[in-house]
Amino acid sequence: MTAPAPGNGRPPRATAFAVGGVEYLVTGRVARSLPAPRPLPPRFEHGGEEFPVVDLPALFGSAEEPECGPLLLLVERRTGETADGGTVRRALVVERLVGTEVLDADAVQPVPTVYPEDERRRWRGLLPRPDGRLAVVLRLEGLAGGGAPEREG
């Protein structure tokens, strides 16, 4: 069963993307998807808002160079944990966009403790796929300051 998102009664939508041949998902609204600028800036501005840039291929040690070049996904998600609504924004550098889907939160499995603590802070859980592979569901707020380096300018 798909658990509803807090506050609106609808299940969360997730954006799936690939880095280093691994599929990842992140919940939140993708404000924009565009070719990643070179060199990568430490922050990207869109619609008057700043998005800290997180280079996921560098963070996850991927040596792949996509044919079309990396993409920059501008993702924002409201957490409701602060006075401003708790909006978390990140500009994620990814290698390939897979698509969007409704996230079945009940199917997300906890991150096993065999993974290092810094990885567990970035990951919300693992999602089994129909083909037997696992996709990693990321914590958007764990991708900066929680052990994930932001790009230096």
Protein backbone atom coordinates (compact mmCIF):
# COMPACT_ATOMS: atom_id res chain seq x y z
CA MET A 1 0.00 0.00 0.00
CA THR A 2 1.26 3.47 -0.84
CA ALA A 3 1.42 5.69 2.21
CA PRO A 4 0.06 9.22 1.78
CA ALA A 5 2.38 12.19 2.04
CA PRO A 6 2.10 14.16 5.26
CA GLY A 7 -0.38 16.99 5.03
CA ASN A 8 -1.96 16.50 1.61
CA GLY A 9 -3.21 12.91 1.74
CA ARG A 10 -1.53 11.99 -1.55
CA PRO A 11 1.37 9.55 -1.90
CA PRO A 12 4.73 11.23 -2.53
CA ARG A 13 6.10 11.52 -6.06
CA ALA A 14 9.71 10.64 -6.65
CA THR A 15 12.16 11.43 -9.41
CA ALA A 16 14.38 8.51 -10.44
CA PHE A 17 17.85 9.07 -11.88
CA ALA A 18 21.05 7.11 -12.39
CA VAL A 19 24.60 7.70 -11.20
CA GLY A 20 27.33 5.12 -11.84
CA GLY A 21 24.80 2.57 -13.11
CA VAL A 22 22.83 2.72 -9.84
CA GLU A 23 19.25 3.97 -9.73
CA TYR A 24 18.41 6.60 -7.10
CA LEU A 25 15.15 8.27 -6.17
CA VAL A 26 14.46 11.54 -4.40
CA THR A 27 11.11 12.96 -3.32
CA GLY A 28 10.29 16.58 -3.96
CA ARG A 29 9.34 18.86 -6.80
CA VAL A 30 11.80 19.10 -9.68
CA ALA A 31 11.75 22.81 -10.46
CA ARG A 32 13.92 22.35 -13.54
CA SER A 33 16.19 19.90 -15.35
CA LEU A 34 18.97 21.24 -17.55
CA PRO A 35 22.47 20.39 -18.79
CA ALA A 36 24.96 20.84 -15.95
CA PRO A 37 27.13 23.93 -16.46
CA ARG A 38 30.90 23.51 -16.67
CA PRO A 39 32.62 24.28 -14.42
CA LEU A 40 30.04 23.53 -11.75
CA PRO A 41 29.25 26.50 -9.54
CA PRO A 42 28.87 25.99 -5.77
CA ARG A 43 25.29 27.31 -5.99
CA PHE A 44 22.75 27.64 -8.79
CA GLU A 45 20.07 30.34 -8.84
CA HIS A 46 16.61 29.71 -10.24
CA GLY A 47 13.46 31.75 -9.75
CA GLY A 48 15.14 33.94 -7.14
CA GLU A 49 16.10 30.93 -5.01
CA GLU A 50 19.54 29.45 -4.42
CA PHE A 51 20.13 25.72 -4.82
CA PRO A 52 23.40 24.32 -3.35
CA VAL A 53 25.06 22.15 -6.02
CA VAL A 54 25.79 18.54 -5.04
CA ASP A 55 27.91 16.61 -7.55
CA LEU A 56 26.53 13.08 -7.07
CA PRO A 57 28.91 11.37 -9.55
CA ALA A 58 31.88 12.80 -7.62
CA LEU A 59 30.28 11.98 -4.27
CA PHE A 60 29.51 8.39 -5.26
CA GLY A 61 32.81 7.85 -7.11
CA SER A 62 31.37 7.40 -10.62
CA ALA A 63 33.81 7.61 -13.50
CA GLU A 64 31.08 7.38 -16.17
CA GLU A 65 30.79 10.28 -18.58
CA PRO A 66 27.27 10.33 -20.06
CA GLU A 67 27.00 10.81 -23.83
CA CYS A 68 24.90 13.94 -23.46
CA GLY A 69 26.82 15.22 -20.43
CA PRO A 70 25.56 15.36 -16.87
CA LEU A 71 22.23 16.92 -15.93
CA LEU A 72 21.41 19.33 -13.15
CA LEU A 73 18.13 18.60 -11.36
CA LEU A 74 16.81 21.48 -9.27
CA VAL A 75 14.81 19.78 -6.52
CA GLU A 76 12.87 21.34 -3.65
CA ARG A 77 10.87 19.73 -0.88
CA ARG A 78 8.97 21.22 2.02
CA THR A 79 9.70 19.59 5.36
CA GLY A 80 7.58 21.92 7.51
CA GLU A 81 10.26 21.86 10.20
CA THR A 82 11.18 25.57 10.19
CA ALA A 83 9.38 28.91 10.23
CA ASP A 84 9.81 29.35 6.46
CA GLY A 85 8.05 26.03 5.79
CA GLY A 86 11.31 24.11 5.93
CA THR A 87 11.98 24.12 2.20
CA VAL A 88 15.07 22.11 1.28
CA ARG A 89 16.64 22.93 -2.09
CA ARG A 90 19.42 21.10 -3.91
CA ALA A 91 20.86 21.19 -7.43
CA LEU A 92 21.75 17.55 -8.00
CA VAL A 93 24.24 16.61 -10.71
CA VAL A 94 23.12 13.27 -12.16
CA GLU A 95 24.17 11.17 -15.15
CA ARG A 96 20.78 10.16 -16.49
CA LEU A 97 17.15 10.95 -15.73
CA VAL A 98 15.03 7.78 -15.46
CA GLY A 99 11.56 9.25 -14.81
CA THR A 100 9.00 10.01 -12.13
CA GLU A 101 6.77 7.71 -10.14
CA VAL A 102 4.55 7.48 -7.10
CA LEU A 103 6.72 6.31 -4.24
CA ASP A 104 5.28 3.40 -2.26
CA ALA A 105 6.69 4.46 1.11
CA ASP A 106 5.65 1.12 2.66
CA ALA A 107 7.92 -0.72 0.21
CA VAL A 108 11.02 1.29 1.17
CA GLN A 109 13.25 -0.89 3.32
CA PRO A 110 15.51 0.50 6.07
CA VAL A 111 19.17 1.01 5.24
CA PRO A 112 21.14 -1.95 6.65
CA THR A 113 23.61 -1.03 9.39
CA VAL A 114 26.45 -2.63 7.39
CA TYR A 115 26.63 0.64 5.41
CA PRO A 116 28.80 3.43 6.86
CA GLU A 117 27.01 6.06 8.92
CA ASP A 118 27.64 8.87 6.40
CA GLU A 119 25.86 6.84 3.70
CA ARG A 120 22.97 6.02 6.02
CA ARG A 121 22.50 9.77 6.68
CA ARG A 122 22.12 10.35 2.92
CA TRP A 123 19.82 7.41 2.33
CA ARG A 124 16.18 7.16 3.34
CA GLY A 125 16.08 3.49 2.38
CA LEU A 126 16.26 0.87 -0.34
CA LEU A 127 13.43 0.17 -2.77
CA PRO A 128 13.19 -3.28 -4.40
CA ARG A 129 12.52 -3.05 -8.14
CA PRO A 130 10.48 -5.58 -10.16
CA ASP A 131 13.64 -6.78 -11.95
CA GLY A 132 15.27 -7.72 -8.62
CA ARG A 133 17.60 -4.73 -8.36
CA LEU A 134 17.49 -2.20 -5.54
CA ALA A 135 17.08 1.56 -5.97
CA VAL A 136 18.42 3.89 -3.30
CA VAL A 137 15.94 6.45 -1.95
CA LEU A 138 17.94 9.53 -0.94
CA ARG A 139 17.27 12.07 1.81
CA LEU A 140 17.41 15.44 0.07
CA GLU A 141 18.34 17.17 3.31
CA GLY A 142 21.18 14.66 3.83
CA LEU A 143 22.92 15.68 0.62
CA ALA A 144 24.58 18.79 2.03
CA GLY A 145 26.15 19.27 5.38
CA GLY A 146 25.41 15.67 6.32
CA GLY A 147 28.65 14.35 4.93
CA ALA A 148 27.92 15.15 1.28
CA PRO A 149 30.27 17.82 0.02
CA GLU A 150 28.86 20.75 -1.86
CA ARG A 151 30.80 21.74 -4.96
CA GLU A 152 33.50 24.33 -4.31
CA GLY A 153 33.74 27.16 -6.81
